[in-house]
């Protein structure tokens, strides 16, 4: 599960609005500080956002944020059922 969850090239396999993603700057695997770009689409609206990995504790916790001058979103995934917290900096999304 973690190999799919932490690989932006596979994000379309588990997120319906996400269409594709790829690592930036020669990165090939997740690490704190690594950047990737994610591309999404809902109906006719398309967008992309660069993202940065904030936390990675293999098999336990993965957290990243989008990087944008106008808004941001933080995503967190945890294997601990007591900590399933997606975080959002834009409450309207």
PDB file of N, CA and C in Angstrom:
ATOM      1  N   UNK A   1       0.815  -1.185   0.000  1.00  0.00           N
ATOM      2  CA  UNK A   1       0.000   0.000   0.000  1.00  0.00           C
ATOM      3  C   UNK A   1       0.864   1.258   0.000  1.00  0.00           C
ATOM      4  N   UNK A   2       1.897   1.311   0.817  1.00  0.00           N
ATOM      5  CA  UNK A   2       2.705   2.529   0.932  1.00  0.00           C
ATOM      6  C   UNK A   2       3.439   2.868  -0.348  1.00  0.00           C
ATOM      7  N   UNK A   3       3.840   1.865  -1.106  1.00  0.00           N
ATOM      8  CA  UNK A   3       4.548   2.158  -2.357  1.00  0.00           C
ATOM      9  C   UNK A   3       3.620   2.856  -3.362  1.00  0.00           C
ATOM     10  N   UNK A   4       2.341   2.524  -3.356  1.00  0.00           N
ATOM     11  CA  UNK A   4       1.378   3.202  -4.230  1.00  0.00           C
ATOM     12  C   UNK A   4       1.049   4.587  -3.676  1.00  0.00           C
ATOM     13  N   UNK A   5       0.833   4.672  -2.389  1.00  0.00           N
ATOM     14  CA  UNK A   5       0.450   5.920  -1.735  1.00  0.00           C
ATOM     15  C   UNK A   5       1.520   7.006  -1.865  1.00  0.00           C
ATOM     16  N   UNK A   6       2.776   6.643  -1.789  1.00  0.00           N
ATOM     17  CA  UNK A   6       3.867   7.624  -1.781  1.00  0.00           C
ATOM     18  C   UNK A   6       4.495   7.866  -3.155  1.00  0.00           C
ATOM     19  N   UNK A   7       3.930   7.291  -4.197  1.00  0.00           N
ATOM     20  CA  UNK A   7       4.470   7.448  -5.544  1.00  0.00           C
ATOM     21  C   UNK A   7       3.519   8.302  -6.382  1.00  0.00           C
ATOM     22  N   UNK A   8       3.867   9.558  -6.652  1.00  0.00           N
ATOM     23  CA  UNK A   8       2.958  10.423  -7.412  1.00  0.00           C
ATOM     24  C   UNK A   8       2.704   9.939  -8.838  1.00  0.00           C
ATOM     25  N   UNK A   9       3.560   9.098  -9.371  1.00  0.00           N
ATOM     26  CA  UNK A   9       3.308   8.580 -10.715  1.00  0.00           C
ATOM     27  C   UNK A   9       2.152   7.587 -10.711  1.00  0.00           C
ATOM     28  N   UNK A  10       1.719   7.144  -9.515  1.00  0.00           N
ATOM     29  CA  UNK A  10       0.616   6.186  -9.399  1.00  0.00           C
ATOM     30  C   UNK A  10      -0.632   6.795  -8.743  1.00  0.00           C
ATOM     31  N   UNK A  11      -0.640   8.110  -8.549  1.00  0.00           N
ATOM     32  CA  UNK A  11      -1.729   8.758  -7.816  1.00  0.00           C
ATOM     33  C   UNK A  11      -3.092   8.570  -8.483  1.00  0.00           C
ATOM     34  N   UNK A  12      -3.124   8.450  -9.780  1.00  0.00           N
ATOM     35  CA  UNK A  12      -4.402   8.266 -10.478  1.00  0.00           C
ATOM     36  C   UNK A  12      -5.043   6.918 -10.158  1.00  0.00           C
ATOM     37  N   UNK A  13      -4.283   5.991  -9.605  1.00  0.00           N
ATOM     38  CA  UNK A  13      -4.824   4.684  -9.246  1.00  0.00           C
ATOM     39  C   UNK A  13      -5.749   4.752  -8.037  1.00  0.00           C
ATOM     40  N   UNK A  14      -5.594   5.776  -7.211  1.00  0.00           N
ATOM     41  CA  UNK A  14      -6.394   5.820  -5.981  1.00  0.00           C
ATOM     42  C   UNK A  14      -7.085   7.154  -5.719  1.00  0.00           C
ATOM     43  N   UNK A  15      -6.921   8.140  -6.568  1.00  0.00           N
ATOM     44  CA  UNK A  15      -7.608   9.432  -6.420  1.00  0.00           C
ATOM     45  C   UNK A  15      -8.369   9.720  -7.710  1.00  0.00           C
ATOM     46  N   UNK A  16      -9.671   9.855  -7.636  1.00  0.00           N
ATOM     47  CA  UNK A  16     -10.473  10.004  -8.847  1.00  0.00           C
ATOM     48  C   UNK A  16     -10.218  11.316  -9.594  1.00  0.00           C
ATOM     49  N   UNK A  17      -9.948  12.410  -8.904  1.00  0.00           N
ATOM     50  CA  UNK A  17      -9.728  13.677  -9.606  1.00  0.00           C
ATOM     51  C   UNK A  17      -8.302  13.815 -10.129  1.00  0.00           C
ATOM     52  N   UNK A  18      -7.381  13.058  -9.591  1.00  0.00           N
ATOM     53  CA  UNK A  18      -5.973  13.137 -10.014  1.00  0.00           C
ATOM     54  C   UNK A  18      -5.769  12.366 -11.306  1.00  0.00           C
ATOM     55  N   UNK A  19      -5.069  12.975 -12.228  1.00  0.00           N
ATOM     56  CA  UNK A  19      -4.827  12.361 -13.522  1.00  0.00           C
ATOM     57  C   UNK A  19      -3.419  11.831 -13.693  1.00  0.00           C
ATOM     58  N   UNK A  20      -2.436  12.542 -13.139  1.00  0.00           N
ATOM     59  CA  UNK A  20      -1.054  12.094 -13.273  1.00  0.00           C
ATOM     60  C   UNK A  20      -0.175  12.862 -12.301  1.00  0.00           C
ATOM     61  N   UNK A  21       1.035  12.400 -12.165  1.00  0.00           N
ATOM     62  CA  UNK A  21       2.020  13.065 -11.330  1.00  0.00           C
ATOM     63  C   UNK A  21       3.407  12.598 -11.703  1.00  0.00           C
ATOM     64  N   UNK A  22       4.395  13.396 -11.396  1.00  0.00           N
ATOM     65  CA  UNK A  22       5.774  12.968 -11.623  1.00  0.00           C
ATOM     66  C   UNK A  22       6.720  13.708 -10.685  1.00  0.00           C
ATOM     67  N   UNK A  23       7.784  13.019 -10.348  1.00  0.00           N
ATOM     68  CA  UNK A  23       8.823  13.601  -9.490  1.00  0.00           C
ATOM     69  C   UNK A  23       9.534  14.710 -10.240  1.00  0.00           C
ATOM     70  N   UNK A  24      10.060  15.685  -9.499  1.00  0.00           N
ATOM     71  CA  UNK A  24      10.810  16.801 -10.080  1.00  0.00           C
ATOM     72  C   UNK A  24      12.279  16.712  -9.680  1.00  0.00           C
ATOM     73  N   UNK A  25      13.123  17.360 -10.448  1.00  0.00           N
ATOM     74  CA  UNK A  25      14.549  17.523 -10.135  1.00  0.00           C
ATOM     75  C   UNK A  25      15.292  16.196 -10.007  1.00  0.00           C
ATOM     76  N   UNK A  26      14.930  15.209 -10.816  1.00  0.00           N
ATOM     77  CA  UNK A  26      15.648  13.939 -10.827  1.00  0.00           C
ATOM     78  C   UNK A  26      15.325  12.990  -9.686  1.00  0.00           C
ATOM     79  N   UNK A  27      14.368  13.352  -8.847  1.00  0.00           N
ATOM     80  CA  UNK A  27      13.982  12.488  -7.726  1.00  0.00           C
ATOM     81  C   UNK A  27      13.237  11.276  -8.274  1.00  0.00           C
ATOM     82  N   UNK A  28      13.452  10.108  -7.676  1.00  0.00           N
ATOM     83  CA  UNK A  28      12.781   8.886  -8.134  1.00  0.00           C
ATOM     84  C   UNK A  28      12.039   8.158  -7.024  1.00  0.00           C
ATOM     85  N   UNK A  29      12.163   8.654  -5.797  1.00  0.00           N
ATOM     86  CA  UNK A  29      11.446   8.028  -4.689  1.00  0.00           C
ATOM     87  C   UNK A  29      11.174   9.057  -3.599  1.00  0.00           C
ATOM     88  N   UNK A  30      10.215   8.783  -2.726  1.00  0.00           N
ATOM     89  CA  UNK A  30       9.845   9.776  -1.711  1.00  0.00           C
ATOM     90  C   UNK A  30      10.938   9.982  -0.664  1.00  0.00           C
ATOM     91  N   UNK A  31      11.086  11.224  -0.255  1.00  0.00           N
ATOM     92  CA  UNK A  31      12.003  11.615   0.817  1.00  0.00           C
ATOM     93  C   UNK A  31      11.558  12.997   1.291  1.00  0.00           C
ATOM     94  N   UNK A  32      11.806  13.314   2.526  1.00  0.00           N
ATOM     95  CA  UNK A  32      11.448  14.632   3.042  1.00  0.00           C
ATOM     96  C   UNK A  32      12.145  15.697   2.197  1.00  0.00           C
ATOM     97  N   UNK A  33      11.382  16.663   1.733  1.00  0.00           N
ATOM     98  CA  UNK A  33      11.911  17.733   0.884  1.00  0.00           C
ATOM     99  C   UNK A  33      11.781  17.457  -0.606  1.00  0.00           C
ATOM    100  N   UNK A  34      11.528  16.202  -0.991  1.00  0.00           N
ATOM    101  CA  UNK A  34      11.374  15.873  -2.412  1.00  0.00           C
ATOM    102  C   UNK A  34      10.150  16.589  -2.967  1.00  0.00           C
ATOM    103  N   UNK A  35      10.250  16.955  -4.245  1.00  0.00           N
ATOM    104  CA  UNK A  35       9.143  17.678  -4.877  1.00  0.00           C
ATOM    105  C   UNK A  35       8.588  16.872  -6.045  1.00  0.00           C
ATOM    106  N   UNK A  36       7.301  17.038  -6.273  1.00  0.00           N
ATOM    107  CA  UNK A  36       6.649  16.427  -7.421  1.00  0.00           C
ATOM    108  C   UNK A  36       5.542  17.347  -7.899  1.00  0.00           C
ATOM    109  N   UNK A  37       5.063  17.093  -9.088  1.00  0.00           N
ATOM    110  CA  UNK A  37       3.934  17.862  -9.607  1.00  0.00           C
ATOM    111  C   UNK A  37       2.760  16.910  -9.773  1.00  0.00           C
ATOM    112  N   UNK A  38       1.593  17.373  -9.361  1.00  0.00           N
ATOM    113  CA  UNK A  38       0.371  16.598  -9.511  1.00  0.00           C
ATOM    114  C   UNK A  38      -0.572  17.312 -10.457  1.00  0.00           C
ATOM    115  N   UNK A  39      -1.231  16.546 -11.315  1.00  0.00           N
ATOM    116  CA  UNK A  39      -2.183  17.116 -12.274  1.00  0.00           C
ATOM    117  C   UNK A  39      -3.557  16.530 -12.000  1.00  0.00           C
ATOM    118  N   UNK A  40      -4.560  17.408 -11.944  1.00  0.00           N
ATOM    119  CA  UNK A  40      -5.921  16.982 -11.607  1.00  0.00           C
ATOM    120  C   UNK A  40      -6.931  17.510 -12.607  1.00  0.00           C
ATOM    121  N   UNK A  41      -8.110  16.892 -12.579  1.00  0.00           N
ATOM    122  CA  UNK A  41      -9.195  17.344 -13.435  1.00  0.00           C
ATOM    123  C   UNK A  41     -10.536  16.934 -12.834  1.00  0.00           C
ATOM    124  N   UNK A  42     -11.453  17.873 -12.819  1.00  0.00           N
ATOM    125  CA  UNK A  42     -12.841  17.605 -12.464  1.00  0.00           C
ATOM    126  C   UNK A  42     -13.678  18.203 -13.587  1.00  0.00           C
ATOM    127  N   UNK A  43     -14.377  17.347 -14.297  1.00  0.00           N
ATOM    128  CA  UNK A  43     -15.133  17.733 -15.487  1.00  0.00           C
ATOM    129  C   UNK A  43     -14.225  18.467 -16.458  1.00  0.00           C
ATOM    130  N   UNK A  44     -14.495  19.720 -16.767  1.00  0.00           N
ATOM    131  CA  UNK A  44     -13.678  20.453 -17.733  1.00  0.00           C
ATOM    132  C   UNK A  44     -12.588  21.309 -17.067  1.00  0.00           C
ATOM    133  N   UNK A  45     -12.551  21.346 -15.758  1.00  0.00           N
ATOM    134  CA  UNK A  45     -11.561  22.158 -15.045  1.00  0.00           C
ATOM    135  C   UNK A  45     -10.310  21.329 -14.786  1.00  0.00           C
ATOM    136  N   UNK A  46      -9.170  21.847 -15.218  1.00  0.00           N
ATOM    137  CA  UNK A  46      -7.881  21.171 -15.038  1.00  0.00           C
ATOM    138  C   UNK A  46      -6.939  22.079 -14.265  1.00  0.00           C
ATOM    139  N   UNK A  47      -6.073  21.485 -13.455  1.00  0.00           N
ATOM    140  CA  UNK A  47      -5.064  22.256 -12.747  1.00  0.00           C
ATOM    141  C   UNK A  47      -3.903  21.352 -12.389  1.00  0.00           C
ATOM    142  N   UNK A  48      -2.797  21.989 -12.071  1.00  0.00           N
ATOM    143  CA  UNK A  48      -1.628  21.251 -11.600  1.00  0.00           C
ATOM    144  C   UNK A  48      -1.011  22.040 -10.460  1.00  0.00           C
ATOM    145  N   UNK A  49      -0.337  21.333  -9.588  1.00  0.00           N
ATOM    146  CA  UNK A  49       0.316  21.969  -8.445  1.00  0.00           C
ATOM    147  C   UNK A  49       1.635  21.250  -8.155  1.00  0.00           C
ATOM    148  N   UNK A  50       2.687  22.026  -7.936  1.00  0.00           N
ATOM    149  CA  UNK A  50       3.897  21.407  -7.397  1.00  0.00           C
ATOM    150  C   UNK A  50       3.639  21.067  -5.924  1.00  0.00           C
ATOM    151  N   UNK A  51       4.258  20.015  -5.466  1.00  0.00           N
ATOM    152  CA  UNK A  51       4.067  19.549  -4.093  1.00  0.00           C
ATOM    153  C   UNK A  51       5.424  19.241  -3.462  1.00  0.00           C
ATOM    154  N   UNK A  52       5.445  19.238  -2.135  1.00  0.00           N
ATOM    155  CA  UNK A  52       6.678  18.958  -1.397  1.00  0.00           C
ATOM    156  C   UNK A  52       6.355  17.958  -0.280  1.00  0.00           C
ATOM    157  N   UNK A  53       7.202  16.931  -0.156  1.00  0.00           N
ATOM    158  CA  UNK A  53       7.045  15.945   0.911  1.00  0.00           C
ATOM    159  C   UNK A  53       7.506  16.578   2.222  1.00  0.00           C
ATOM    160  N   UNK A  54       6.644  16.570   3.232  1.00  0.00           N
ATOM    161  CA  UNK A  54       6.942  17.165   4.538  1.00  0.00           C
ATOM    162  C   UNK A  54       7.387  16.143   5.567  1.00  0.00           C
ATOM    163  N   UNK A  55       6.850  14.934   5.468  1.00  0.00           N
ATOM    164  CA  UNK A  55       7.148  13.906   6.469  1.00  0.00           C
ATOM    165  C   UNK A  55       7.021  12.538   5.811  1.00  0.00           C
ATOM    166  N   UNK A  56       7.946  11.664   6.143  1.00  0.00           N
ATOM    167  CA  UNK A  56       7.891  10.302   5.635  1.00  0.00           C
ATOM    168  C   UNK A  56       8.452   9.365   6.695  1.00  0.00           C
ATOM    169  N   UNK A  57       7.592   8.550   7.235  1.00  0.00           N
ATOM    170  CA  UNK A  57       7.966   7.499   8.174  1.00  0.00           C
ATOM    171  C   UNK A  57       7.420   6.223   7.545  1.00  0.00           C
ATOM    172  N   UNK A  58       8.264   5.550   6.776  1.00  0.00           N
ATOM    173  CA  UNK A  58       7.824   4.428   5.948  1.00  0.00           C
ATOM    174  C   UNK A  58       6.913   3.472   6.696  1.00  0.00           C
ATOM    175  N   UNK A  59       5.821   3.130   6.048  1.00  0.00           N
ATOM    176  CA  UNK A  59       4.796   2.220   6.561  1.00  0.00           C
ATOM    177  C   UNK A  59       3.956   2.814   7.689  1.00  0.00           C
ATOM    178  N   UNK A  60       4.229   4.062   8.096  1.00  0.00           N
ATOM    179  CA  UNK A  60       3.491   4.633   9.215  1.00  0.00           C
ATOM    180  C   UNK A  60       2.843   5.981   8.907  1.00  0.00           C
ATOM    181  N   UNK A  61       3.596   6.906   8.312  1.00  0.00           N
ATOM    182  CA  UNK A  61       3.051   8.251   8.098  1.00  0.00           C
ATOM    183  C   UNK A  61       3.695   8.884   6.871  1.00  0.00           C
ATOM    184  N   UNK A  62       2.858   9.555   6.080  1.00  0.00           N
ATOM    185  CA  UNK A  62       3.300  10.259   4.879  1.00  0.00           C
ATOM    186  C   UNK A  62       2.517  11.566   4.819  1.00  0.00           C
ATOM    187  N   UNK A  63       3.230  12.680   4.636  1.00  0.00           N
ATOM    188  CA  UNK A  63       2.585  13.986   4.614  1.00  0.00           C
ATOM    189  C   UNK A  63       3.239  14.844   3.552  1.00  0.00           C
ATOM    190  N   UNK A  64       2.404  15.525   2.749  1.00  0.00           N
ATOM    191  CA  UNK A  64       2.934  16.455   1.752  1.00  0.00           C
ATOM    192  C   UNK A  64       2.001  17.648   1.629  1.00  0.00           C
ATOM    193  N   UNK A  65       2.519  18.706   0.988  1.00  0.00           N
ATOM    194  CA  UNK A  65       1.718  19.909   0.782  1.00  0.00           C
ATOM    195  C   UNK A  65       1.850  20.375  -0.655  1.00  0.00           C
ATOM    196  N   UNK A  66       0.792  21.048  -1.134  1.00  0.00           N
ATOM    197  CA  UNK A  66       0.877  21.703  -2.427  1.00  0.00           C
ATOM    198  C   UNK A  66       1.568  23.047  -2.224  1.00  0.00           C
ATOM    199  N   UNK A  67       2.203  23.525  -3.271  1.00  0.00           N
ATOM    200  CA  UNK A  67       2.931  24.792  -3.216  1.00  0.00           C
ATOM    201  C   UNK A  67       2.289  25.731  -4.219  1.00  0.00           C
ATOM    202  N   UNK A  68       1.668  26.784  -3.722  1.00  0.00           N
ATOM    203  CA  UNK A  68       0.986  27.738  -4.593  1.00  0.00           C
ATOM    204  C   UNK A  68       0.972  29.104  -3.915  1.00  0.00           C
ATOM    205  N   UNK A  69       1.090  30.180  -4.673  1.00  0.00           N
ATOM    206  CA  UNK A  69       1.022  31.506  -4.057  1.00  0.00           C
ATOM    207  C   UNK A  69      -0.403  31.893  -3.634  1.00  0.00           C
ATOM    208  N   UNK A  70      -1.419  31.173  -4.120  1.00  0.00           N
ATOM    209  CA  UNK A  70      -2.802  31.557  -3.831  1.00  0.00           C
ATOM    210  C   UNK A  70      -3.513  30.663  -2.824  1.00  0.00           C
ATOM    211  N   UNK A  71      -3.102  29.420  -2.703  1.00  0.00           N
ATOM    212  CA  UNK A  71      -3.729  28.512  -1.751  1.00  0.00           C
ATOM    213  C   UNK A  71      -2.776  27.353  -1.456  1.00  0.00           C
ATOM    214  N   UNK A  72      -3.150  26.544  -0.513  1.00  0.00           N
ATOM    215  CA  UNK A  72      -2.355  25.350  -0.254  1.00  0.00           C
ATOM    216  C   UNK A  72      -3.254  24.273   0.329  1.00  0.00           C
ATOM    217  N   UNK A  73      -2.784  23.061   0.191  1.00  0.00           N
ATOM    218  CA  UNK A  73      -3.451  21.926   0.799  1.00  0.00           C
ATOM    219  C   UNK A  73      -2.378  21.037   1.395  1.00  0.00           C
ATOM    220  N   UNK A  74      -2.625  20.549   2.571  1.00  0.00           N
ATOM    221  CA  UNK A  74      -1.725  19.570   3.186  1.00  0.00           C
ATOM    222  C   UNK A  74      -2.458  18.247   3.288  1.00  0.00           C
ATOM    223  N   UNK A  75      -1.783  17.203   2.874  1.00  0.00           N
ATOM    224  CA  UNK A  75      -2.336  15.854   2.918  1.00  0.00           C
ATOM    225  C   UNK A  75      -1.507  15.027   3.885  1.00  0.00           C
ATOM    226  N   UNK A  76      -2.171  14.244   4.700  1.00  0.00           N
ATOM    227  CA  UNK A  76      -1.477  13.357   5.642  1.00  0.00           C
ATOM    228  C   UNK A  76      -2.147  12.000   5.629  1.00  0.00           C
ATOM    229  N   UNK A  77      -1.339  10.968   5.617  1.00  0.00           N
ATOM    230  CA  UNK A  77      -1.824   9.601   5.638  1.00  0.00           C
ATOM    231  C   UNK A  77      -1.074   8.853   6.728  1.00  0.00           C
ATOM    232  N   UNK A  78      -1.801   8.060   7.477  1.00  0.00           N
ATOM    233  CA  UNK A  78      -1.205   7.363   8.603  1.00  0.00           C
ATOM    234  C   UNK A  78      -1.749   5.946   8.677  1.00  0.00           C
ATOM    235  N   UNK A  79      -0.918   5.016   9.110  1.00  0.00           N
ATOM    236  CA  UNK A  79      -1.381   3.641   9.293  1.00  0.00           C
ATOM    237  C   UNK A  79      -2.035   3.473  10.655  1.00  0.00           C
ATOM    238  N   UNK A  80      -1.984   4.495  11.486  1.00  0.00           N
ATOM    239  CA  UNK A  80      -2.598   4.472  12.811  1.00  0.00           C
ATOM    240  C   UNK A  80      -4.055   4.909  12.678  1.00  0.00           C
ATOM    241  N   UNK A  81      -4.985   4.041  12.973  1.00  0.00           N
ATOM    242  CA  UNK A  81      -6.402   4.372  12.812  1.00  0.00           C
ATOM    243  C   UNK A  81      -6.823   5.563  13.661  1.00  0.00           C
ATOM    244  N   UNK A  82      -6.086   5.890  14.687  1.00  0.00           N
ATOM    245  CA  UNK A  82      -6.429   7.033  15.528  1.00  0.00           C
ATOM    246  C   UNK A  82      -5.956   8.353  14.924  1.00  0.00           C
ATOM    247  N   UNK A  83      -5.221   8.310  13.800  1.00  0.00           N
ATOM    248  CA  UNK A  83      -4.642   9.519  13.220  1.00  0.00           C
ATOM    249  C   UNK A  83      -4.893   9.588  11.712  1.00  0.00           C
ATOM    250  N   UNK A  84      -6.136   9.537  11.250  1.00  0.00           N
ATOM    251  CA  UNK A  84      -6.419   9.570   9.809  1.00  0.00           C
ATOM    252  C   UNK A  84      -6.669  10.980   9.303  1.00  0.00           C
ATOM    253  N   UNK A  85      -5.833  11.926   9.561  1.00  0.00           N
ATOM    254  CA  UNK A  85      -6.173  13.326   9.354  1.00  0.00           C
ATOM    255  C   UNK A  85      -5.694  13.932   8.049  1.00  0.00           C
ATOM    256  N   UNK A  86      -6.570  14.070   7.075  1.00  0.00           N
ATOM    257  CA  UNK A  86      -6.230  14.925   5.948  1.00  0.00           C
ATOM    258  C   UNK A  86      -6.304  16.364   6.419  1.00  0.00           C
ATOM    259  N   UNK A  87      -5.329  17.150   6.058  1.00  0.00           N
ATOM    260  CA  UNK A  87      -5.281  18.543   6.500  1.00  0.00           C
ATOM    261  C   UNK A  87      -5.503  19.441   5.293  1.00  0.00           C
ATOM    262  N   UNK A  88      -6.236  20.500   5.455  1.00  0.00           N
ATOM    263  CA  UNK A  88      -6.475  21.395   4.342  1.00  0.00           C
ATOM    264  C   UNK A  88      -6.297  22.849   4.776  1.00  0.00           C
ATOM    265  N   UNK A  89      -5.568  23.591   3.957  1.00  0.00           N
ATOM    266  CA  UNK A  89      -5.401  25.009   4.214  1.00  0.00           C
ATOM    267  C   UNK A  89      -6.426  25.842   3.473  1.00  0.00           C
ATOM    268  N   UNK A  90      -7.248  25.190   2.677  1.00  0.00           N
ATOM    269  CA  UNK A  90      -8.277  25.885   1.927  1.00  0.00           C
ATOM    270  C   UNK A  90      -9.594  25.190   2.243  1.00  0.00           C
ATOM    271  N   UNK A  91     -10.355  25.691   3.213  1.00  0.00           N
ATOM    272  CA  UNK A  91     -11.566  25.000   3.634  1.00  0.00           C
ATOM    273  C   UNK A  91     -12.641  24.890   2.559  1.00  0.00           C
ATOM    274  N   UNK A  92     -12.526  25.627   1.494  1.00  0.00           N
ATOM    275  CA  UNK A  92     -13.546  25.567   0.446  1.00  0.00           C
ATOM    276  C   UNK A  92     -13.322  24.397  -0.503  1.00  0.00           C
ATOM    277  N   UNK A  93     -12.206  23.710  -0.416  1.00  0.00           N
ATOM    278  CA  UNK A  93     -11.922  22.579  -1.307  1.00  0.00           C
ATOM    279  C   UNK A  93     -12.190  21.279  -0.638  1.00  0.00           C
TER     280      UNK A  93
END
